[in-house]
Amino acid sequence: MTLALVLTAWSAGAQAPEPLPESLTQMIETERAFAARALVVGWKDAFLEYFAPSAIGFAEGKPGAAREQIAKNPDPPKDLQLIWEPRYGDVAASGELGFLTGPVRNIRASRDGGKPRFSNYASIWKRQKDGSFRVVMDVGINTPSEVRFPAGFTRVPYKDRFTGDYDDSTAPLGTADGVLNSALKTSQLSAYRPRLAEGVRFHRQNQLPIVGIPAATKWLASRPAFSSVDSRFSEVARSGDLGYTWGTFTIAPSRTVIARGGRGQTQTINIEAGFYVRVWVRERSGQWKVALDVLQ
């Protein structure tokens, strides 16, 4: 077979990637404008500009109005640059709710010789009454090195997207979140495993994201059960195929110390406590799956 025939056959069989929905493109472009604005006016003023009035933040261990929490922060140093880019995410079929995540570089010329520090952001976006997208929740993790993503932008890869008439009474997201939370008190692996969406991302402080079902399953097997975890909020897009939840959690792993006389004493160590944020996608069967899980 000649080279021309090979190329023709390949071209006929290859499938071009599906174009992104217009609403997702708008959300991505708004995120990029947000990042560019931060380089001009500083992250604080940019956050105030691009966060919705209804946005929730988790400053000082308490949920509250994000814009009020941001306003209380001191102005950032003049030489501080936060550089980020959306690389992964999705939007609901109804086009008013979605999420984005990507790598962040924190650079100060006067610190560490200008060497960047790295993190990974995740933000929930919601269309406002004027048609624009604004952030309603933003959670990030510090990472030990730069977070790698595939080139360009990748949409959440799930084939059996829910397309039916949405009736929250049949499969409410808040209930799904609560059922998962109850199971997490026994085992993270058994709780999450049947509820993982393809391409799932786990974001945990000071470590690189755990991405995909195989990596997540292996990692979850080594994680302790949650001591407490409670749902506080859920919101679902009008199309019923995407939503997010947040709540509180505590993880208090224990160890047994053999004391004199051979009796065991249990000590609680390395207590983690704070807030979780989850993005969920709904399959055609009606089952909700976790696409993103962040501990803040």
Protein backbone atom coordinates (compact mmCIF):
# COMPACT_ATOMS: atom_id res chain seq x y z
CA MET A 1 0.00 0.00 0.00
CA THR A 2 1.41 3.40 -0.92
CA LEU A 3 1.94 6.15 1.63
CA ALA A 4 -0.87 8.18 0.05
CA LEU A 5 -3.31 5.29 0.48
CA VAL A 6 -2.21 4.79 4.09
CA LEU A 7 -2.78 8.47 4.87
CA THR A 8 -6.15 8.42 3.12
CA ALA A 9 -7.25 5.34 5.09
CA TRP A 10 -6.09 6.91 8.36
CA SER A 11 -7.88 10.16 7.59
CA ALA A 12 -11.11 8.32 6.80
CA GLY A 13 -10.99 6.32 10.03
CA ALA A 14 -9.81 9.08 12.36
CA GLN A 15 -12.40 11.02 14.30
CA ALA A 16 -11.96 14.69 14.99
CA PRO A 17 -12.52 15.64 18.63
CA GLU A 18 -15.99 16.92 19.38
CA PRO A 19 -16.17 20.71 19.65
CA LEU A 20 -16.63 22.08 23.15
CA PRO A 21 -20.09 23.38 24.05
CA GLU A 22 -20.39 27.14 23.65
CA SER A 23 -21.07 27.55 27.37
CA LEU A 24 -17.90 25.64 28.29
CA THR A 25 -15.86 27.74 25.87
CA GLN A 26 -17.30 30.88 27.45
CA MET A 27 -16.43 29.60 30.92
CA ILE A 28 -12.84 28.80 29.85
CA GLU A 29 -12.40 32.20 28.21
CA THR A 30 -13.72 33.90 31.35
CA GLU A 31 -11.22 31.97 33.47
CA ARG A 32 -8.39 33.03 31.17
CA ALA A 33 -9.53 36.65 31.35
CA PHE A 34 -9.63 36.31 35.14
CA ALA A 35 -6.03 35.00 35.20
CA ALA A 36 -4.86 37.78 32.88
CA ARG A 37 -6.60 40.39 35.03
CA ALA A 38 -4.80 39.14 38.13
CA LEU A 39 -1.45 39.89 36.49
CA VAL A 40 -2.56 43.50 35.97
CA VAL A 41 -4.36 44.43 39.21
CA GLY A 42 -3.18 41.67 41.56
CA TRP A 43 -4.96 38.54 42.68
CA LYS A 44 -7.04 40.23 45.40
CA ASP A 45 -8.79 42.77 43.17
CA ALA A 46 -9.18 40.19 40.40
CA PHE A 47 -10.82 37.74 42.80
CA LEU A 48 -13.24 40.43 43.97
CA GLU A 49 -14.09 41.17 40.36
CA TYR A 50 -14.64 37.58 39.20
CA PHE A 51 -16.24 36.03 42.30
CA ALA A 52 -20.04 36.03 42.42
CA PRO A 53 -21.78 37.83 45.30
CA SER A 54 -23.07 34.40 46.39
CA ALA A 55 -19.61 32.77 46.38
CA ILE A 56 -18.68 30.75 49.47
CA GLY A 57 -15.20 30.63 50.99
CA PHE A 58 -13.63 28.70 53.87
CA ALA A 59 -11.40 31.23 55.62
CA GLU A 60 -10.25 30.53 59.20
CA GLY A 61 -12.09 27.23 59.30
CA LYS A 62 -15.53 28.72 58.77
CA PRO A 63 -17.72 28.92 55.66
CA GLY A 64 -18.77 32.42 54.74
CA ALA A 65 -19.14 35.00 52.00
CA ALA A 66 -16.01 34.62 49.89
CA ARG A 67 -15.86 38.25 48.76
CA GLU A 68 -15.96 39.46 52.36
CA GLN A 69 -13.21 37.01 53.30
CA ILE A 70 -11.07 38.10 50.33
CA ALA A 71 -11.55 41.80 51.12
CA LYS A 72 -10.11 41.25 54.61
CA ASN A 73 -6.82 39.97 53.18
CA PRO A 74 -3.91 42.42 53.01
CA ASP A 75 -3.04 43.69 49.57
CA PRO A 76 -0.63 41.28 47.83
CA PRO A 77 3.03 42.23 47.40
CA LYS A 78 3.74 44.20 44.24
CA ASP A 79 6.14 41.56 42.94
CA LEU A 80 3.76 38.62 43.47
CA GLN A 81 2.41 36.90 40.37
CA LEU A 82 -0.22 34.16 40.35
CA ILE A 83 -0.25 32.47 36.96
CA TRP A 84 -2.88 29.84 36.21
CA GLU A 85 -4.72 28.28 33.29
CA PRO A 86 -7.84 26.09 32.91
CA ARG A 87 -6.89 22.66 31.57
CA TYR A 88 -9.69 20.31 32.60
CA GLY A 89 -13.38 20.57 33.45
CA ASP A 90 -16.93 20.43 32.20
CA VAL A 91 -20.23 22.25 32.02
CA ALA A 92 -23.79 21.02 32.45
CA ALA A 93 -25.89 20.44 29.35
CA SER A 94 -28.10 23.34 30.46
CA GLY A 95 -25.02 25.57 30.31
CA GLU A 96 -25.27 27.45 33.61
CA LEU A 97 -23.05 25.44 35.96
CA GLY A 98 -19.61 23.91 35.56
CA PHE A 99 -16.11 23.54 36.94
CA LEU A 100 -12.52 24.11 35.87
CA THR A 101 -9.14 23.08 37.23
CA GLY A 102 -5.54 23.62 36.26
CA PRO A 103 -1.97 24.35 37.38
CA VAL A 104 -0.88 27.46 39.28
CA ARG A 105 2.52 29.08 39.63
CA ASN A 106 3.17 31.51 42.50
CA ILE A 107 6.18 33.69 41.72
CA ARG A 108 7.90 36.50 43.66
CA ALA A 109 11.13 38.00 42.39
CA SER A 110 12.18 38.76 45.97
CA ARG A 111 11.58 35.21 47.24
CA ASP A 112 13.73 32.14 46.63
CA GLY A 113 15.49 33.86 43.76
CA GLY A 114 12.24 34.01 41.83
CA LYS A 115 11.76 30.23 41.97
CA PRO A 116 8.04 29.41 41.55
CA ARG A 117 5.87 27.60 44.05
CA PHE A 118 3.23 25.30 42.64
CA SER A 119 -0.42 24.54 43.34
CA ASN A 120 -3.56 23.27 41.65
CA TYR A 121 -6.80 25.24 41.70
CA ALA A 122 -10.37 24.04 41.23
CA SER A 123 -13.29 26.42 40.79
CA ILE A 124 -17.05 26.10 40.43
CA TRP A 125 -18.56 28.54 37.94
CA LYS A 126 -22.17 29.66 37.63
CA ARG A 127 -23.87 31.83 35.03
CA GLN A 128 -25.23 35.07 36.47
CA LYS A 129 -28.41 36.96 35.58
CA ASP A 130 -26.50 39.15 33.12
CA GLY A 131 -25.28 36.05 31.23
CA SER A 132 -21.69 36.17 32.50
CA PHE A 133 -19.94 33.38 34.39
CA ARG A 134 -18.60 34.01 37.88
CA VAL A 135 -16.86 31.83 40.50
CA VAL A 136 -19.12 30.54 43.28
CA MET A 137 -16.48 28.37 44.96
CA ASP A 138 -12.69 28.13 44.67
CA VAL A 139 -10.50 25.55 46.39
CA GLY A 140 -6.81 24.91 45.87
CA ILE A 141 -4.01 22.66 47.05
CA ASN A 142 -0.28 23.28 47.32
CA THR A 143 1.75 20.71 45.38
CA PRO A 144 5.41 19.64 45.71
CA SER A 145 6.07 20.22 42.01
CA GLU A 146 4.36 21.49 38.88
CA VAL A 147 1.08 19.70 38.07
CA ARG A 148 1.11 18.20 34.58
CA PHE A 149 -1.95 18.16 32.34
CA PRO A 150 -2.42 16.95 28.75
CA ALA A 151 -1.84 19.65 26.15
CA GLY A 152 -4.72 22.02 25.59
CA PHE A 153 -8.03 21.60 27.38
CA THR A 154 -9.64 18.26 28.22
CA ARG A 155 -13.34 17.85 28.89
CA VAL A 156 -14.54 15.32 31.48
CA PRO A 157 -14.68 12.01 29.58
CA TYR A 158 -17.94 10.24 30.26
CA LYS A 159 -20.00 8.56 27.57
CA ASP A 160 -23.31 7.86 29.28
CA ARG A 161 -24.22 11.42 30.22
CA PHE A 162 -27.68 11.84 31.70
CA THR A 163 -30.03 13.33 29.10
CA GLY A 164 -33.48 12.67 30.53
CA ASP A 165 -35.93 14.97 32.24
CA TYR A 166 -34.41 15.97 35.54
CA ASP A 167 -36.47 15.25 38.62
CA ASP A 168 -34.45 15.77 41.78
CA SER A 169 -36.92 13.70 43.78
CA THR A 170 -35.84 10.53 41.96
CA ALA A 171 -32.09 10.80 42.61
CA PRO A 172 -31.27 13.88 44.71
CA LEU A 173 -27.59 14.75 44.77
CA GLY A 174 -27.72 15.62 48.45
CA THR A 175 -28.82 12.06 49.20
CA ALA A 176 -26.02 10.61 47.08
CA ASP A 177 -23.52 12.80 48.92
CA GLY A 178 -24.88 11.71 52.29
CA VAL A 179 -24.77 8.01 51.39
CA LEU A 180 -21.14 8.36 50.31
CA ASN A 181 -20.30 10.19 53.52
CA SER A 182 -21.82 7.45 55.65
CA ALA A 183 -19.78 4.81 53.83
CA LEU A 184 -16.58 6.86 54.20
CA LYS A 185 -16.73 6.29 57.95
CA THR A 186 -16.04 2.60 57.29
CA SER A 187 -13.66 2.58 54.32
CA GLN A 188 -12.61 5.15 51.73
CA LEU A 189 -11.94 2.47 49.14
CA SER A 190 -15.28 0.68 49.42
CA ALA A 191 -17.14 3.99 49.64
CA TYR A 192 -15.62 5.69 46.62
CA ARG A 193 -14.91 2.75 44.30
CA PRO A 194 -18.44 2.27 42.86
CA ARG A 195 -18.90 6.04 42.60
CA LEU A 196 -15.82 7.08 40.59
CA ALA A 197 -16.28 8.84 37.27
CA GLU A 198 -13.82 8.21 34.47
CA GLY A 199 -10.95 10.69 34.84
CA VAL A 200 -11.78 11.32 38.51
CA ARG A 201 -9.41 13.69 40.32
CA PHE A 202 -8.56 13.67 44.03
CA HIS A 203 -6.90 16.87 45.25
CA ARG A 204 -5.15 16.63 48.61
CA GLN A 205 -2.90 19.18 50.27
CA ASN A 206 0.85 18.99 49.60
CA GLN A 207 0.67 16.14 47.10
CA LEU A 208 0.17 15.84 43.38
CA PRO A 209 -3.42 15.11 42.27
CA ILE A 210 -4.46 11.47 42.01
CA VAL A 211 -6.02 11.11 38.58
CA GLY A 212 -8.08 8.30 37.01
CA ILE A 213 -9.87 5.28 38.45
CA PRO A 214 -6.86 2.87 38.57
CA ALA A 215 -4.61 5.37 40.38
CA ALA A 216 -7.44 6.48 42.68
CA THR A 217 -8.35 2.89 43.61
CA LYS A 218 -4.75 2.07 44.51
CA TRP A 219 -4.37 5.25 46.55
CA LEU A 220 -7.70 4.91 48.36
CA ALA A 221 -6.72 1.45 49.60
CA SER A 222 -4.08 3.07 51.81
CA ARG A 223 -6.27 5.85 53.18
CA PRO A 224 -7.92 5.71 56.63
CA ALA A 225 -11.66 5.97 57.09
CA PHE A 226 -13.18 9.34 57.87
CA SER A 227 -13.96 9.95 61.55
CA SER A 228 -16.79 12.30 60.70
CA VAL A 229 -18.14 13.77 57.46
CA ASP A 230 -21.33 15.76 56.99
CA SER A 231 -23.07 17.21 53.95
CA ARG A 232 -23.79 20.94 54.16
CA PHE A 233 -24.84 21.98 50.67
CA SER A 234 -25.69 20.64 47.22
CA GLU A 235 -26.61 22.28 43.94
CA VAL A 236 -27.56 20.66 40.63
CA ALA A 237 -27.74 22.14 37.15
CA ARG A 238 -31.17 22.45 35.54
CA SER A 239 -30.27 19.60 33.17
CA GLY A 240 -29.57 17.27 36.09
CA ASP A 241 -26.26 15.97 34.72
CA LEU A 242 -23.76 17.93 36.85
CA GLY A 243 -23.71 19.29 40.37
CA TYR A 244 -21.51 19.95 43.37
CA THR A 245 -21.61 19.45 47.10
CA TRP A 246 -19.61 20.61 50.07
CA GLY A 247 -19.46 19.80 53.75
CA THR A 248 -17.23 19.22 56.76
CA PHE A 249 -14.89 16.34 57.53
CA THR A 250 -12.50 14.94 60.12
CA ILE A 251 -9.93 12.20 59.58
CA ALA A 252 -8.27 11.03 62.78
CA PRO A 253 -6.24 7.86 62.13
CA SER A 254 -5.23 5.97 65.24
CA ARG A 255 -2.38 3.65 66.18
CA THR A 256 -1.91 1.16 68.96
CA VAL A 257 1.03 1.65 71.28
CA ILE A 258 2.10 -1.38 73.34
CA ALA A 259 2.64 -0.13 76.86
CA ARG A 260 4.36 -1.85 79.74
CA GLY A 261 2.38 -4.83 80.88
CA GLY A 262 1.32 -5.61 77.32
CA ARG A 263 -1.88 -3.61 77.28
CA GLY A 264 -2.64 -1.60 74.17
CA GLN A 265 -3.32 2.11 74.30
CA THR A 266 -4.88 3.96 71.36
CA GLN A 267 -3.56 7.39 70.46
CA THR A 268 -5.08 9.70 67.86
CA ILE A 269 -2.50 11.32 65.58
CA ASN A 270 -2.30 13.46 62.45
CA ILE A 271 -5.83 14.79 62.68
CA GLU A 272 -7.13 16.34 59.47
CA ALA A 273 -10.22 18.51 59.60
CA GLY A 274 -11.85 21.04 57.32
CA PHE A 275 -14.14 21.16 54.30
CA TYR A 276 -14.64 18.96 51.28
CA VAL A 277 -15.86 20.02 47.86
CA ARG A 278 -17.05 17.46 45.29
CA VAL A 279 -18.11 17.81 41.69
CA TRP A 280 -20.50 15.10 40.53
CA VAL A 281 -21.59 13.96 37.07
CA ARG A 282 -24.74 11.94 36.50
CA GLU A 283 -24.91 8.91 34.24
CA ARG A 284 -27.81 7.98 32.00
CA SER A 285 -28.86 5.37 34.58
CA GLY A 286 -29.40 8.18 37.06
CA GLN A 287 -26.38 7.30 39.23
CA TRP A 288 -24.17 10.12 40.42
CA LYS A 289 -20.38 9.70 40.07
CA VAL A 290 -17.57 11.76 41.61
CA ALA A 291 -15.53 13.69 39.03
CA LEU A 292 -13.54 15.86 41.46
CA ASP A 293 -12.94 15.57 45.20
CA VAL A 294 -11.00 18.23 47.13
CA LEU A 295 -10.21 18.54 50.82
CA GLN A 296 -9.69 22.15 51.92
